[in-house]
Amino acid sequence: MDCSGFISRCLNLPTVHDTTQLPNICRHIEPQDLRPGDILNIPRGHVVLCAGWARPDQSWIYYYETGGPPDYWKPGLKEAPLAALLELGYTPLRYRGMAYEQKTSGKEVLTRSAISKAETVTEPVIGEP
């Protein structure tokens, strides 16, 4: 599946929303407020799913994506510098239908096994179909 199909499925949307439609059902958030389940979107470009912070200083994030190398249609966990993603034009968004605890529990969302398999991307690029 492509990136927007993957995100639409993750958000349990009734239909697929492409990267130009996702901002209509989400609200903009500050980069430092990203939480697992939020998205980073480039309209008419690409979208990825935030999986959590990869560094305590919030300089790197874990994210899931499809449509990017090496397995273009298979979701994969990656980690990259947040600043590099923002420089590419990604906008942090939170789905308006997302339910969150008011205070995070601090419980890790990703297991050590998943983290150990994350691909490190020092210079991310916008995923390609």
Protein backbone atom coordinates (compact mmCIF):
# COMPACT_ATOMS: atom_id res chain seq x y z
CA MET A 1 0.00 0.00 0.00
CA ASP A 2 1.13 3.55 -0.51
CA CYS A 3 1.90 6.06 2.25
CA SER A 4 -1.54 7.68 2.52
CA GLY A 5 -3.29 4.29 2.40
CA PHE A 6 -1.05 3.13 5.24
CA ILE A 7 -1.80 6.24 7.35
CA SER A 8 -5.53 6.04 6.61
CA ARG A 9 -5.52 2.43 7.80
CA CYS A 10 -3.51 3.32 10.93
CA LEU A 11 -5.98 6.09 11.80
CA ASN A 12 -8.90 3.72 11.10
CA LEU A 13 -10.41 6.15 8.57
CA PRO A 14 -13.50 4.96 6.64
CA THR A 15 -11.85 5.86 3.32
CA VAL A 16 -8.34 6.55 2.12
CA HIS A 17 -7.32 10.18 2.53
CA ASP A 18 -4.44 11.34 0.37
CA THR A 19 -1.70 13.71 1.54
CA THR A 20 -3.72 16.76 0.43
CA GLN A 21 -6.80 15.64 2.41
CA LEU A 22 -5.07 14.67 5.67
CA PRO A 23 -4.64 18.30 6.90
CA ASN A 24 -8.45 18.68 6.72
CA ILE A 25 -8.99 16.04 9.42
CA CYS A 26 -5.95 16.94 11.52
CA ARG A 27 -4.67 19.91 13.46
CA HIS A 28 -1.19 21.37 13.29
CA ILE A 29 1.02 20.73 16.28
CA GLU A 30 4.44 21.92 17.30
CA PRO A 31 7.27 19.50 16.44
CA GLN A 32 8.22 19.02 20.12
CA ASP A 33 4.62 17.93 20.83
CA LEU A 34 4.79 14.90 18.51
CA ARG A 35 3.51 11.67 20.07
CA PRO A 36 3.15 8.14 18.74
CA GLY A 37 0.21 8.12 16.32
CA ASP A 38 0.80 11.66 15.04
CA ILE A 39 1.81 12.16 11.43
CA LEU A 40 4.35 14.18 9.48
CA ASN A 41 2.83 15.19 6.14
CA ILE A 42 3.85 16.89 2.91
CA PRO A 43 0.75 17.60 0.80
CA ARG A 44 1.16 16.12 -2.69
CA GLY A 45 4.31 14.46 -1.38
CA HIS A 46 4.55 11.91 1.40
CA VAL A 47 3.31 11.11 4.89
CA VAL A 48 4.86 9.13 7.76
CA LEU A 49 3.56 7.93 11.14
CA CYS A 50 5.37 9.06 14.28
CA ALA A 51 6.30 6.13 16.53
CA GLY A 52 8.04 8.07 19.31
CA TRP A 53 11.23 9.86 20.23
CA ALA A 54 14.49 8.14 19.41
CA ARG A 55 16.60 10.47 21.58
CA PRO A 56 15.80 12.00 24.98
CA ASP A 57 16.56 15.50 23.65
CA GLN A 58 13.79 15.08 21.02
CA SER A 59 16.23 15.61 18.15
CA TRP A 60 15.49 12.26 16.45
CA ILE A 61 12.19 10.41 15.98
CA TYR A 62 11.12 6.89 15.17
CA TYR A 63 8.59 6.71 12.36
CA TYR A 64 6.85 4.18 10.16
CA GLU A 65 6.57 4.68 6.43
CA THR A 66 5.67 2.95 3.23
CA GLY A 67 6.61 4.21 -0.19
CA GLY A 68 10.27 4.72 0.72
CA PRO A 69 13.42 2.74 0.08
CA PRO A 70 14.39 -0.06 0.39
CA ASP A 71 10.98 -1.87 0.40
CA TYR A 72 8.67 0.64 -1.24
CA TRP A 73 5.33 -0.95 -0.32
CA LYS A 74 6.22 -2.61 2.99
CA PRO A 75 5.83 -0.57 6.21
CA GLY A 76 9.17 -0.12 7.93
CA LEU A 77 10.37 1.46 11.16
CA LYS A 78 13.03 4.13 10.71
CA GLU A 79 14.74 6.75 12.85
CA ALA A 80 15.90 10.13 11.60
CA PRO A 81 16.75 13.64 12.77
CA LEU A 82 13.52 15.59 13.20
CA ALA A 83 15.16 18.75 11.84
CA ALA A 84 15.99 16.98 8.57
CA LEU A 85 12.36 15.91 8.13
CA LEU A 86 11.12 19.42 8.87
CA GLU A 87 13.61 20.88 6.37
CA LEU A 88 12.13 18.61 3.70
CA GLY A 89 8.76 20.26 4.35
CA TYR A 90 7.04 17.76 6.63
CA THR A 91 4.34 19.30 8.82
CA PRO A 92 3.51 17.70 12.20
CA LEU A 93 -0.20 16.92 12.44
CA ARG A 94 -2.50 15.23 14.97
CA TYR A 95 -5.66 13.49 13.84
CA ARG A 96 -8.67 15.24 15.39
CA GLY A 97 -10.23 11.87 16.27
CA MET A 98 -7.17 10.73 18.26
CA ALA A 99 -7.68 10.05 21.96
CA TYR A 100 -4.74 10.67 24.29
CA GLU A 101 -4.08 10.60 27.98
CA GLN A 102 -3.65 14.14 29.29
CA LYS A 103 -0.29 13.16 30.73
CA THR A 104 1.81 10.56 29.05
CA SER A 105 2.53 7.51 31.19
CA GLY A 106 6.15 7.34 30.09
CA LYS A 107 5.56 3.73 29.02
CA GLU A 108 7.58 2.80 25.96
CA VAL A 109 5.45 2.19 22.87
CA LEU A 110 8.18 0.46 20.90
CA THR A 111 9.79 -2.72 22.16
CA ARG A 112 13.55 -3.12 22.33
CA SER A 113 13.26 -5.71 19.58
CA ALA A 114 11.49 -3.25 17.24
CA ILE A 115 13.94 -0.47 18.06
CA SER A 116 16.92 -2.72 17.36
CA LYS A 117 15.58 -3.31 13.83
CA ALA A 118 14.90 0.35 13.04
CA GLU A 119 16.73 1.65 10.01
CA THR A 120 18.80 4.76 10.76
CA VAL A 121 18.29 7.47 8.15
CA THR A 122 20.72 10.35 8.64
CA GLU A 123 19.59 12.21 5.52
CA PRO A 124 15.93 11.39 4.87
CA VAL A 125 14.36 11.89 1.46
CA ILE A 126 10.73 12.15 0.52
CA GLY A 127 9.43 8.63 -0.15
CA GLU A 128 8.92 7.64 -3.75
CA PRO A 129 6.04 5.58 -5.18
